[in-house]
C-alpha atoms as a PDB file:
ATOM      1  CA  MET A   1       5.916   8.323  71.654  1.00  0.00           C
ATOM      2  CA  SER A   2       9.378   6.815  71.300  1.00  0.00           C
ATOM      3  CA  GLY A   3      12.469   8.779  70.272  1.00  0.00           C
ATOM      4  CA  GLN A   4      12.716   6.734  67.070  1.00  0.00           C
ATOM      5  CA  THR A   5       9.114   7.566  66.122  1.00  0.00           C
ATOM      6  CA  LYS A   6       9.662  11.306  66.714  1.00  0.00           C
ATOM      7  CA  ALA A   7      12.796  11.215  64.577  1.00  0.00           C
ATOM      8  CA  ALA A   8      10.952   9.427  61.768  1.00  0.00           C
ATOM      9  CA  ILE A   9       8.111  12.001  61.805  1.00  0.00           C
ATOM     10  CA  LYS A  10      10.597  14.912  61.800  1.00  0.00           C
ATOM     11  CA  TRP A  11      12.452  13.348  58.842  1.00  0.00           C
ATOM     12  CA  ALA A  12       9.234  12.785  56.899  1.00  0.00           C
ATOM     13  CA  PHE A  13       8.073  16.396  57.321  1.00  0.00           C
ATOM     14  CA  SER A  14      11.474  17.703  56.213  1.00  0.00           C
ATOM     15  CA  ILE A  15      11.281  16.085  52.766  1.00  0.00           C
ATOM     16  CA  PRO A  16       8.751  18.433  51.107  1.00  0.00           C
ATOM     17  CA  ILE A  17      10.579  21.441  52.559  1.00  0.00           C
ATOM     18  CA  VAL A  18      13.869  20.346  50.998  1.00  0.00           C
ATOM     19  CA  LEU A  19      12.188  19.602  47.680  1.00  0.00           C
ATOM     20  CA  CYS A  20      10.508  23.000  47.700  1.00  0.00           C
ATOM     21  CA  ILE A  21      13.788  24.800  48.322  1.00  0.00           C
ATOM     22  CA  ALA A  22      15.486  22.803  45.570  1.00  0.00           C
ATOM     23  CA  PHE A  23      12.679  23.694  43.160  1.00  0.00           C
ATOM     24  CA  LEU A  24      12.867  27.383  43.971  1.00  0.00           C
ATOM     25  CA  THR A  25      16.615  27.626  43.590  1.00  0.00           C
ATOM     26  CA  SER A  26      16.911  25.473  40.471  1.00  0.00           C
ATOM     27  CA  SER A  27      14.061  26.714  38.300  1.00  0.00           C
ATOM     28  CA  SER A  28      11.704  29.418  39.493  1.00  0.00           C
ATOM     29  CA  VAL A  29      14.452  31.737  40.711  1.00  0.00           C
ATOM     30  CA  ARG A  30      16.021  31.722  37.237  1.00  0.00           C
ATOM     31  CA  TYR A  31      12.639  32.627  35.763  1.00  0.00           C
ATOM     32  CA  PHE A  32      12.134  35.261  38.461  1.00  0.00           C
ATOM     33  CA  VAL A  33      15.524  36.879  37.812  1.00  0.00           C
ATOM     34  CA  ARG A  34      15.205  36.851  34.045  1.00  0.00           C
ATOM     35  CA  PHE A  35      11.931  38.728  33.797  1.00  0.00           C
ATOM     36  CA  LEU A  36      11.701  41.103  36.754  1.00  0.00           C
ATOM     37  CA  PRO A  37      12.855  44.731  36.356  1.00  0.00           C
ATOM     38  CA  VAL A  38      16.393  45.627  37.350  1.00  0.00           C
ATOM     39  CA  ASP A  39      15.328  47.144  40.677  1.00  0.00           C
ATOM     40  CA  LYS A  40      13.628  43.870  41.718  1.00  0.00           C
ATOM     41  CA  VAL A  41      16.396  41.359  41.004  1.00  0.00           C
ATOM     42  CA  PRO A  42      17.136  39.404  44.211  1.00  0.00           C
ATOM     43  CA  VAL A  43      20.573  38.669  45.613  1.00  0.00           C
ATOM     44  CA  VAL A  44      20.867  34.884  45.819  1.00  0.00           C
ATOM     45  CA  HIS A  45      24.544  34.163  46.361  1.00  0.00           C
ATOM     46  CA  GLU A  46      24.978  34.174  50.125  1.00  0.00           C
ATOM     47  CA  GLU A  47      27.171  31.082  49.953  1.00  0.00           C
ATOM     48  CA  MET A  48      29.734  32.979  47.844  1.00  0.00           C
ATOM     49  CA  GLN A  49      29.647  35.929  50.226  1.00  0.00           C
ATOM     50  CA  ASN A  50      30.260  33.613  53.172  1.00  0.00           C
ATOM     51  CA  LEU A  51      33.380  32.293  51.426  1.00  0.00           C
ATOM     52  CA  ASP A  52      34.550  35.904  50.984  1.00  0.00           C
ATOM     53  CA  ASN A  53      34.005  36.622  54.659  1.00  0.00           C
ATOM     54  CA  SER A  54      36.102  33.678  55.844  1.00  0.00           C
ATOM     55  CA  VAL A  55      39.303  35.062  54.329  1.00  0.00           C
ATOM     56  CA  ASP A  56      38.318  38.720  54.657  1.00  0.00           C
ATOM     57  CA  ASP A  57      38.543  38.290  58.423  1.00  0.00           C
ATOM     58  CA  THR A  58      42.303  38.690  57.904  1.00  0.00           C
ATOM     59  CA  LEU A  59      41.952  42.155  56.327  1.00  0.00           C
ATOM     60  CA  GLU A  60      43.582  44.943  58.360  1.00  0.00           C
ATOM     61  CA  PHE A  61      41.049  47.752  57.910  1.00  0.00           C
ATOM     62  CA  GLY A  62      42.916  50.035  60.306  1.00  0.00           C
ATOM     63  CA  SER A  63      46.190  49.814  58.420  1.00  0.00           C
ATOM     64  CA  ARG A  64      45.111  52.559  56.018  1.00  0.00           C
ATOM     65  CA  THR A  65      43.890  55.538  58.002  1.00  0.00           C
ATOM     66  CA  ASP A  66      44.264  57.810  54.963  1.00  0.00           C
ATOM     67  CA  VAL A  67      41.449  56.214  52.959  1.00  0.00           C
ATOM     68  CA  GLN A  68      38.026  54.629  53.384  1.00  0.00           C
ATOM     69  CA  THR A  69      38.478  50.879  53.767  1.00  0.00           C
ATOM     70  CA  SER A  70      34.870  49.735  54.270  1.00  0.00           C
ATOM     71  CA  THR A  71      31.449  50.717  52.964  1.00  0.00           C
ATOM     72  CA  SER A  72      28.350  51.491  55.005  1.00  0.00           C
ATOM     73  CA  TRP A  73      27.128  47.957  54.196  1.00  0.00           C
ATOM     74  CA  LYS A  74      30.439  46.472  55.456  1.00  0.00           C
ATOM     75  CA  ALA A  75      31.951  45.545  52.096  1.00  0.00           C
ATOM     76  CA  PRO A  76      35.747  45.899  52.076  1.00  0.00           C
ATOM     77  CA  ILE A  77      37.478  48.453  49.844  1.00  0.00           C
ATOM     78  CA  ILE A  78      40.778  46.843  48.892  1.00  0.00           C
ATOM     79  CA  TRP A  79      43.898  49.003  49.247  1.00  0.00           C
ATOM     80  CA  ASP A  80      47.575  48.152  49.367  1.00  0.00           C
ATOM     81  CA  GLY A  81      48.666  47.255  52.898  1.00  0.00           C
ATOM     82  CA  MET A  82      45.300  45.821  53.976  1.00  0.00           C
ATOM     83  CA  PHE A  83      45.794  42.219  52.902  1.00  0.00           C
ATOM     84  CA  ASP A  84      48.323  39.399  52.960  1.00  0.00           C
ATOM     85  CA  PRO A  85      48.561  38.188  49.334  1.00  0.00           C
ATOM     86  CA  ASP A  86      49.802  34.743  50.362  1.00  0.00           C
ATOM     87  CA  ILE A  87      46.723  34.099  52.508  1.00  0.00           C
ATOM     88  CA  TYR A  88      44.395  34.964  49.627  1.00  0.00           C
ATOM     89  CA  ASP A  89      46.376  32.952  47.087  1.00  0.00           C
ATOM     90  CA  GLN A  90      46.468  29.884  49.330  1.00  0.00           C
ATOM     91  CA  LYS A  91      42.742  30.130  50.004  1.00  0.00           C
ATOM     92  CA  HIS A  92      41.796  30.357  46.334  1.00  0.00           C
ATOM     93  CA  LYS A  93      44.192  27.611  45.299  1.00  0.00           C
ATOM     94  CA  ARG A  94      42.713  25.414  48.007  1.00  0.00           C
ATOM     95  CA  ASP A  95      39.210  26.233  46.755  1.00  0.00           C
ATOM     96  CA  ARG A  96      40.324  25.567  43.164  1.00  0.00           C
ATOM     97  CA  SER A  97      39.129  28.986  42.071  1.00  0.00           C
ATOM     98  CA  SER A  98      39.379  29.726  38.359  1.00  0.00           C
ATOM     99  CA  VAL A  99      38.872  32.992  36.539  1.00  0.00           C
ATOM    100  CA  ALA A 100      37.464  34.002  33.166  1.00  0.00           C
ATOM    101  CA  LEU A 101      38.772  37.316  31.829  1.00  0.00           C
ATOM    102  CA  THR A 102      36.622  38.924  29.152  1.00  0.00           C
ATOM    103  CA  VAL A 103      37.957  41.689  26.915  1.00  0.00           C
ATOM    104  CA  PHE A 104      36.653  43.284  23.716  1.00  0.00           C
ATOM    105  CA  ALA A 105      39.134  44.237  20.976  1.00  0.00           C
ATOM    106  CA  VAL A 106      37.056  45.494  18.082  1.00  0.00           C
ATOM    107  CA  GLY A 107      38.246  47.409  15.041  1.00  0.00           C
ATOM    108  CA  ARG A 108      41.407  49.456  15.526  1.00  0.00           C
ATOM    109  CA  TYR A 109      41.463  48.692  19.253  1.00  0.00           C
ATOM    110  CA  LEU A 110      42.878  45.240  18.544  1.00  0.00           C
ATOM    111  CA  ASP A 111      46.075  46.498  16.897  1.00  0.00           C
ATOM    112  CA  ALA A 112      46.459  49.376  19.329  1.00  0.00           C
ATOM    113  CA  TYR A 113      46.031  47.599  22.661  1.00  0.00           C
ATOM    114  CA  LEU A 114      45.341  43.860  22.749  1.00  0.00           C
ATOM    115  CA  GLU A 115      48.860  42.425  22.638  1.00  0.00           C
ATOM    116  CA  THR A 116      50.141  44.704  25.399  1.00  0.00           C
ATOM    117  CA  PHE A 117      47.056  44.012  27.495  1.00  0.00           C
ATOM    118  CA  LEU A 118      47.437  40.236  27.247  1.00  0.00           C
ATOM    119  CA  LYS A 119      51.200  40.147  27.793  1.00  0.00           C
ATOM    120  CA  SER A 120      50.979  42.357  30.863  1.00  0.00           C
ATOM    121  CA  SER A 121      48.102  40.255  32.190  1.00  0.00           C
ATOM    122  CA  GLU A 122      50.273  37.163  32.035  1.00  0.00           C
ATOM    123  CA  HIS A 123      52.737  38.865  34.399  1.00  0.00           C
ATOM    124  CA  HIS A 124      50.263  40.329  36.889  1.00  0.00           C
ATOM    125  CA  PHE A 125      46.646  39.071  36.658  1.00  0.00           C
ATOM    126  CA  MET A 126      45.695  36.217  39.015  1.00  0.00           C
ATOM    127  CA  VAL A 127      49.158  34.684  38.780  1.00  0.00           C
ATOM    128  CA  GLY A 128      49.082  31.059  39.951  1.00  0.00           C
ATOM    129  CA  LEU A 129      45.368  30.555  39.286  1.00  0.00           C
ATOM    130  CA  PRO A 130      43.751  28.985  36.205  1.00  0.00           C
ATOM    131  CA  VAL A 131      42.700  31.797  33.849  1.00  0.00           C
ATOM    132  CA  THR A 132      40.813  31.664  30.563  1.00  0.00           C
ATOM    133  CA  TYR A 133      40.946  34.742  28.359  1.00  0.00           C
ATOM    134  CA  TYR A 134      37.822  35.345  26.292  1.00  0.00           C
ATOM    135  CA  VAL A 135      38.765  37.771  23.524  1.00  0.00           C
ATOM    136  CA  PHE A 136      35.772  39.179  21.663  1.00  0.00           C
ATOM    137  CA  THR A 137      36.705  40.640  18.292  1.00  0.00           C
ATOM    138  CA  ASP A 138      35.546  41.186  14.736  1.00  0.00           C
ATOM    139  CA  LEU A 139      39.072  40.348  13.526  1.00  0.00           C
ATOM    140  CA  PRO A 140      39.834  36.889  14.964  1.00  0.00           C
ATOM    141  CA  GLU A 141      42.654  36.269  12.498  1.00  0.00           C
ATOM    142  CA  LYS A 142      44.576  39.229  13.941  1.00  0.00           C
ATOM    143  CA  VAL A 143      44.571  38.133  17.596  1.00  0.00           C
ATOM    144  CA  PRO A 144      48.268  37.835  18.580  1.00  0.00           C
ATOM    145  CA  ASP A 145      49.741  34.486  19.543  1.00  0.00           C
ATOM    146  CA  ILE A 146      50.708  34.994  23.186  1.00  0.00           C
ATOM    147  CA  LYS A 147      52.837  32.538  25.168  1.00  0.00           C
ATOM    148  CA  LEU A 148      50.662  31.556  28.135  1.00  0.00           C
ATOM    149  CA  ALA A 149      51.605  30.160  31.527  1.00  0.00           C
ATOM    150  CA  PRO A 150      50.441  26.671  32.563  1.00  0.00           C
ATOM    151  CA  LYS A 151      46.707  26.374  33.337  1.00  0.00           C
ATOM    152  CA  ARG A 152      45.974  29.469  31.259  1.00  0.00           C
ATOM    153  CA  SER A 153      44.226  29.482  27.902  1.00  0.00           C
ATOM    154  CA  LEU A 154      42.792  31.898  25.351  1.00  0.00           C
ATOM    155  CA  LYS A 155      39.560  31.638  23.394  1.00  0.00           C
ATOM    156  CA  VAL A 156      38.664  33.953  20.536  1.00  0.00           C
ATOM    157  CA  ILE A 157      34.986  34.723  19.952  1.00  0.00           C
ATOM    158  CA  ASN A 158      33.885  36.455  16.775  1.00  0.00           C
ATOM    159  CA  VAL A 159      31.460  39.332  17.341  1.00  0.00           C
ATOM    160  CA  GLU A 160      29.698  41.829  15.131  1.00  0.00           C
ATOM    161  CA  ARG A 161      31.294  45.222  14.730  1.00  0.00           C
ATOM    162  CA  HIS A 162      28.745  47.968  15.328  1.00  0.00           C
ATOM    163  CA  SER A 163      28.999  51.245  13.444  1.00  0.00           C
ATOM    164  CA  ARG A 164      29.077  53.310  16.667  1.00  0.00           C
ATOM    165  CA  TRP A 165      31.526  52.789  19.528  1.00  0.00           C
ATOM    166  CA  GLN A 166      28.670  53.538  21.944  1.00  0.00           C
ATOM    167  CA  ASP A 167      26.816  50.478  20.679  1.00  0.00           C
ATOM    168  CA  ILE A 168      29.930  48.320  20.955  1.00  0.00           C
ATOM    169  CA  SER A 169      30.249  49.436  24.572  1.00  0.00           C
ATOM    170  CA  MET A 170      26.615  48.828  25.477  1.00  0.00           C
ATOM    171  CA  MET A 171      26.061  45.567  23.611  1.00  0.00           C
ATOM    172  CA  ARG A 172      29.000  43.886  25.344  1.00  0.00           C
ATOM    173  CA  MET A 173      26.671  43.329  28.307  1.00  0.00           C
ATOM    174  CA  LYS A 174      24.533  40.904  26.316  1.00  0.00           C
ATOM    175  CA  THR A 175      27.570  39.191  24.804  1.00  0.00           C
ATOM    176  CA  ILE A 176      29.146  38.590  28.211  1.00  0.00           C
ATOM    177  CA  ALA A 177      25.887  37.255  29.668  1.00  0.00           C
ATOM    178  CA  ASP A 178      25.427  34.893  26.722  1.00  0.00           C
ATOM    179  CA  VAL A 179      28.956  33.471  26.963  1.00  0.00           C
ATOM    180  CA  ILE A 180      28.650  33.021  30.725  1.00  0.00           C
ATOM    181  CA  GLU A 181      25.498  30.980  30.135  1.00  0.00           C
ATOM    182  CA  SER A 182      26.878  28.900  27.259  1.00  0.00           C
ATOM    183  CA  GLU A 183      30.428  28.292  28.424  1.00  0.00           C
ATOM    184  CA  ILE A 184      31.994  30.193  31.326  1.00  0.00           C
ATOM    185  CA  ARG A 185      29.635  28.838  33.977  1.00  0.00           C
ATOM    186  CA  HIS A 186      30.863  25.315  33.200  1.00  0.00           C
ATOM    187  CA  ASN A 187      34.557  26.175  33.411  1.00  0.00           C
ATOM    188  CA  CYS A 188      35.218  29.088  35.776  1.00  0.00           C
ATOM    189  CA  THR A 189      34.293  30.216  39.286  1.00  0.00           C
ATOM    190  CA  TYR A 190      34.750  33.946  38.730  1.00  0.00           C
ATOM    191  CA  VAL A 191      34.521  36.407  35.858  1.00  0.00           C
ATOM    192  CA  PHE A 192      36.368  39.714  35.406  1.00  0.00           C
ATOM    193  CA  CYS A 193      35.446  42.095  32.587  1.00  0.00           C
ATOM    194  CA  PHE A 194      38.031  44.599  31.308  1.00  0.00           C
ATOM    195  CA  ASP A 195      38.380  47.351  28.755  1.00  0.00           C
ATOM    196  CA  VAL A 196      41.280  46.554  26.438  1.00  0.00           C
ATOM    197  CA  ASP A 197      42.970  49.976  26.553  1.00  0.00           C
ATOM    198  CA  GLN A 198      44.742  49.245  29.835  1.00  0.00           C
ATOM    199  CA  VAL A 199      48.080  47.796  30.956  1.00  0.00           C
ATOM    200  CA  PHE A 200      48.760  45.673  34.053  1.00  0.00           C
ATOM    201  CA  THR A 201      51.715  47.047  36.002  1.00  0.00           C
ATOM    202  CA  GLY A 202      51.399  45.377  39.424  1.00  0.00           C
ATOM    203  CA  ARG A 203      49.743  42.505  41.223  1.00  0.00           C
ATOM    204  CA  PHE A 204      46.048  42.183  40.364  1.00  0.00           C
ATOM    205  CA  GLY A 205      45.503  39.063  42.396  1.00  0.00           C
ATOM    206  CA  SER A 206      43.069  36.855  44.264  1.00  0.00           C
ATOM    207  CA  GLU A 207      42.387  39.549  46.878  1.00  0.00           C
ATOM    208  CA  ALA A 208      40.196  41.115  44.158  1.00  0.00           C
ATOM    209  CA  LEU A 209      37.930  38.077  43.892  1.00  0.00           C
ATOM    210  CA  GLY A 210      34.495  38.220  45.465  1.00  0.00           C
ATOM    211  CA  ASP A 211      30.837  37.597  44.791  1.00  0.00           C
ATOM    212  CA  SER A 212      30.196  41.032  43.265  1.00  0.00           C
ATOM    213  CA  VAL A 213      33.154  43.318  42.555  1.00  0.00           C
ATOM    214  CA  ALA A 214      33.101  47.011  41.593  1.00  0.00           C
ATOM    215  CA  LEU A 215      35.882  49.524  40.978  1.00  0.00           C
ATOM    216  CA  LEU A 216      36.096  53.069  42.351  1.00  0.00           C
ATOM    217  CA  HIS A 217      36.664  55.438  39.423  1.00  0.00           C
ATOM    218  CA  ALA A 218      40.064  57.110  39.685  1.00  0.00           C
ATOM    219  CA  HIS A 219      38.690  60.523  38.716  1.00  0.00           C
ATOM    220  CA  TYR A 220      35.818  60.542  41.214  1.00  0.00           C
ATOM    221  CA  TYR A 221      36.835  58.699  44.381  1.00  0.00           C
ATOM    222  CA  ARG A 222      37.872  61.912  46.164  1.00  0.00           C
ATOM    223  CA  LEU A 223      34.975  64.037  44.955  1.00  0.00           C
ATOM    224  CA  PRO A 224      31.709  64.757  46.796  1.00  0.00           C
ATOM    225  CA  LYS A 225      28.670  62.827  45.602  1.00  0.00           C
ATOM    226  CA  ASN A 226      27.059  65.869  44.010  1.00  0.00           C
ATOM    227  CA  MET A 227      29.910  65.868  41.466  1.00  0.00           C
ATOM    228  CA  PHE A 228      29.408  62.252  40.374  1.00  0.00           C
ATOM    229  CA  THR A 229      28.304  62.072  36.740  1.00  0.00           C
ATOM    230  CA  TYR A 230      25.320  59.789  37.161  1.00  0.00           C
ATOM    231  CA  ASP A 231      22.676  59.883  34.445  1.00  0.00           C
ATOM    232  CA  ARG A 232      20.268  62.696  35.399  1.00  0.00           C
ATOM    233  CA  ASN A 233      17.701  62.050  32.692  1.00  0.00           C
ATOM    234  CA  PRO A 234      14.491  60.757  34.334  1.00  0.00           C
ATOM    235  CA  LYS A 235      13.536  59.081  31.041  1.00  0.00           C
ATOM    236  CA  SER A 236      16.520  56.711  31.234  1.00  0.00           C
ATOM    237  CA  LYS A 237      16.544  53.462  33.184  1.00  0.00           C
ATOM    238  CA  ALA A 238      20.015  54.539  34.351  1.00  0.00           C
ATOM    239  CA  TYR A 239      18.617  57.659  36.052  1.00  0.00           C
ATOM    240  CA  MET A 240      20.023  58.280  39.526  1.00  0.00           C
ATOM    241  CA  GLN A 241      19.482  61.150  41.925  1.00  0.00           C
ATOM    242  CA  THR A 242      22.197  59.942  44.272  1.00  0.00           C
ATOM    243  CA  GLY A 243      24.363  56.907  44.921  1.00  0.00           C
ATOM    244  CA  ASP A 244      27.097  55.444  47.092  1.00  0.00           C
ATOM    245  CA  PHE A 245      30.191  55.760  44.883  1.00  0.00           C
ATOM    246  CA  TYR A 246      30.968  56.305  41.215  1.00  0.00           C
ATOM    247  CA  TYR A 247      32.026  53.001  39.660  1.00  0.00           C
ATOM    248  CA  HIS A 248      34.221  52.586  36.581  1.00  0.00           C
ATOM    249  CA  ALA A 249      32.963  50.145  33.937  1.00  0.00           C
ATOM    250  CA  ALA A 250      36.527  49.491  32.738  1.00  0.00           C
ATOM    251  CA  VAL A 251      36.756  46.775  35.425  1.00  0.00           C
ATOM    252  CA  PHE A 252      33.971  44.798  37.086  1.00  0.00           C
ATOM    253  CA  GLY A 253      33.508  41.195  38.080  1.00  0.00           C
ATOM    254  CA  GLY A 254      32.461  38.591  40.613  1.00  0.00           C
ATOM    255  CA  SER A 255      31.141  35.062  40.703  1.00  0.00           C
ATOM    256  CA  TRP A 256      29.815  33.924  37.335  1.00  0.00           C
ATOM    257  CA  GLN A 257      26.317  33.935  38.799  1.00  0.00           C
ATOM    258  CA  SER A 258      26.519  37.562  39.916  1.00  0.00           C
ATOM    259  CA  VAL A 259      28.149  38.820  36.730  1.00  0.00           C
ATOM    260  CA  LYS A 260      25.488  37.064  34.673  1.00  0.00           C
ATOM    261  CA  LEU A 261      22.727  38.791  36.664  1.00  0.00           C
ATOM    262  CA  MET A 262      24.560  42.114  36.432  1.00  0.00           C
ATOM    263  CA  THR A 263      25.118  42.049  32.675  1.00  0.00           C
ATOM    264  CA  GLU A 264      21.630  40.729  31.899  1.00  0.00           C
ATOM    265  CA  ALA A 265      20.040  43.484  33.976  1.00  0.00           C
ATOM    266  CA  CYS A 266      22.175  46.211  32.367  1.00  0.00           C
ATOM    267  CA  TYR A 267      21.367  44.890  28.891  1.00  0.00           C
ATOM    268  CA  GLN A 268      17.658  44.839  29.700  1.00  0.00           C
ATOM    269  CA  SER A 269      17.824  48.472  30.850  1.00  0.00           C
ATOM    270  CA  ILE A 270      19.794  49.498  27.753  1.00  0.00           C
ATOM    271  CA  MET A 271      17.193  47.901  25.481  1.00  0.00           C
ATOM    272  CA  GLU A 272      14.333  49.589  27.340  1.00  0.00           C
ATOM    273  CA  ASP A 273      16.094  52.905  26.802  1.00  0.00           C
ATOM    274  CA  LYS A 274      16.462  52.149  23.101  1.00  0.00           C
ATOM    275  CA  LEU A 275      12.726  51.460  22.825  1.00  0.00           C
ATOM    276  CA  ASN A 276      12.133  54.883  24.366  1.00  0.00           C
ATOM    277  CA  ASP A 277      14.733  56.550  22.110  1.00  0.00           C
ATOM    278  CA  VAL A 278      16.963  57.307  25.110  1.00  0.00           C
ATOM    279  CA  GLU A 279      20.713  56.818  25.550  1.00  0.00           C
ATOM    280  CA  ALA A 280      22.317  57.015  28.986  1.00  0.00           C
ATOM    281  CA  LEU A 281      24.991  59.642  29.573  1.00  0.00           C
ATOM    282  CA  TRP A 282      27.907  57.215  29.933  1.00  0.00           C
ATOM    283  CA  HIS A 283      26.223  54.300  28.176  1.00  0.00           C
ATOM    284  CA  ASP A 284      26.851  50.918  29.844  1.00  0.00           C
ATOM    285  CA  GLU A 285      28.741  52.589  32.708  1.00  0.00           C
ATOM    286  CA  SER A 286      25.645  54.586  33.667  1.00  0.00           C
ATOM    287  CA  HIS A 287      23.545  51.422  33.733  1.00  0.00           C
ATOM    288  CA  LEU A 288      26.233  49.589  35.718  1.00  0.00           C
ATOM    289  CA  ASN A 289      26.245  52.354  38.329  1.00  0.00           C
ATOM    290  CA  LYS A 290      22.471  52.131  38.651  1.00  0.00           C
ATOM    291  CA  TYR A 291      22.610  48.359  39.095  1.00  0.00           C
ATOM    292  CA  LEU A 292      25.372  48.531  41.709  1.00  0.00           C
ATOM    293  CA  TRP A 293      23.495  51.176  43.645  1.00  0.00           C
ATOM    294  CA  LEU A 294      20.431  48.941  43.847  1.00  0.00           C
ATOM    295  CA  HIS A 295      22.463  45.753  44.388  1.00  0.00           C
ATOM    296  CA  LYS A 296      25.407  46.620  46.604  1.00  0.00           C
ATOM    297  CA  PRO A 297      28.699  44.985  45.576  1.00  0.00           C
ATOM    298  CA  SER A 298      30.289  42.667  48.125  1.00  0.00           C
ATOM    299  CA  ARG A 299      33.768  44.012  47.348  1.00  0.00           C
ATOM    300  CA  LEU A 300      35.159  47.299  46.078  1.00  0.00           C
ATOM    301  CA  LEU A 301      38.530  47.798  44.463  1.00  0.00           C
ATOM    302  CA  SER A 302      40.410  51.014  45.131  1.00  0.00           C
ATOM    303  CA  PRO A 303      41.669  53.130  42.200  1.00  0.00           C
ATOM    304  CA  GLU A 304      44.985  51.271  42.493  1.00  0.00           C
ATOM    305  CA  TYR A 305      43.263  48.647  40.356  1.00  0.00           C
ATOM    306  CA  CYS A 306      42.729  51.073  37.442  1.00  0.00           C
ATOM    307  CA  TRP A 307      44.754  54.268  37.712  1.00  0.00           C
ATOM    308  CA  ASP A 308      45.166  57.189  35.324  1.00  0.00           C
ATOM    309  CA  LYS A 309      48.693  58.652  35.461  1.00  0.00           C
ATOM    310  CA  ASN A 310      47.375  61.930  34.060  1.00  0.00           C
ATOM    311  CA  ILE A 311      45.822  62.608  37.463  1.00  0.00           C
ATOM    312  CA  GLY A 312      49.326  63.067  38.840  1.00  0.00           C
ATOM    313  CA  HIS A 313      50.823  61.985  42.148  1.00  0.00           C
ATOM    314  CA  ARG A 314      48.437  60.983  44.941  1.00  0.00           C
ATOM    315  CA  SER A 315      49.846  59.987  48.311  1.00  0.00           C
ATOM    316  CA  ASP A 316      47.105  57.379  48.839  1.00  0.00           C
ATOM    317  CA  ILE A 317      48.029  55.473  45.663  1.00  0.00           C
ATOM    318  CA  HIS A 318      50.942  53.327  46.856  1.00  0.00           C
ATOM    319  CA  ILE A 319      50.931  51.082  43.799  1.00  0.00           C
ATOM    320  CA  ALA A 320      49.284  51.300  40.383  1.00  0.00           C
ATOM    321  CA  ARG A 321      48.192  47.783  39.525  1.00  0.00           C
ATOM    322  CA  LEU A 322      46.491  48.601  36.221  1.00  0.00           C
ATOM    323  CA  LEU A 323      47.079  51.764  34.203  1.00  0.00           C
ATOM    324  CA  TRP A 324      45.012  53.529  31.609  1.00  0.00           C
ATOM    325  CA  ALA A 325      46.786  53.254  28.274  1.00  0.00           C
ATOM    326  CA  PRO A 326      47.075  56.425  26.194  1.00  0.00           C
ATOM    327  CA  LYS A 327      43.686  57.191  24.662  1.00  0.00           C
ATOM    328  CA  HIS A 328      43.462  57.976  20.957  1.00  0.00           C
ATOM    329  CA  TYR A 329      39.730  58.404  20.635  1.00  0.00           C
ATOM    330  CA  ASP A 330      40.025  60.616  17.563  1.00  0.00           C
ATOM    331  CA  THR A 331      41.578  57.803  15.512  1.00  0.00           C
ATOM    332  CA  LEU A 332      40.232  54.668  17.179  1.00  0.00           C
ATOM    333  CA  ARG A 333      36.537  55.280  17.664  1.00  0.00           C
ATOM    334  CA  THR A 334      34.240  54.679  14.746  1.00  0.00           C
ATOM    335  CA  ALA A 335      31.766  57.445  15.591  1.00  0.00           C
END
């Protein structure tokens, strides 16, 4: 048999394989992800993780001997001194990365926090990259007019105001997933989700971008696992006996694909709890911790990326990039 004939046969047999793969990734995987339980959702974004790895090869894990810089599954934990910001910025500019920032400012939270949050973000969040702010509020007419840098824009989305702050917190998962599907996926590479009662005080840059990004909670990162406040109610879908870390729901993100899967799965678990008349201990944060235990994040952010000054001085916190704003729960929360 000639070389040309062998090549033709090999090419012919490759066609149905390619078509099969295309079918699986374009249609049946979406169906598979949408309807399987949270503990069965597959990880399908290896191409994004490979892009992370290419620039993460420059991380200096040994530069911070005072803290844990890598997880047991080899995901980096980003601390000051580990990365060269210019390398990350150049890489993401070259890749034309763009970021959607979602934030909810409902009820009194809008007046109390939104303007400061947005203005500080303009100085510190993903500077130099295209950013679209998605502000979810029940008071769209009160969103402040902020002067934005080039390639940055703001979109206001009207949402229902729930009577309980717990419901506002939990239902944001569905809202984020819906907006990713309808709009963000067509415009942005990455999504970051923030609580509004925070202030940017230092670089929160492209080194934070990754396929699936979680934040170590400032109040728990030094504690033993048996002190983590996971949901211990076996009736809840958020129930956990143990985990890897305790993650803070005030900041999470990743590729739009991963954040969509994450928020859809958390919403599904929240609704199953509601059907069973159950509410997780820390609401959406409990469900987020369960999801990230089952589906390991590809990147962890140290508490530098969301620090509480009330903790006091810690020698391992060289820079506070995002700070908790003063909490006024007694006057701001609806219930």
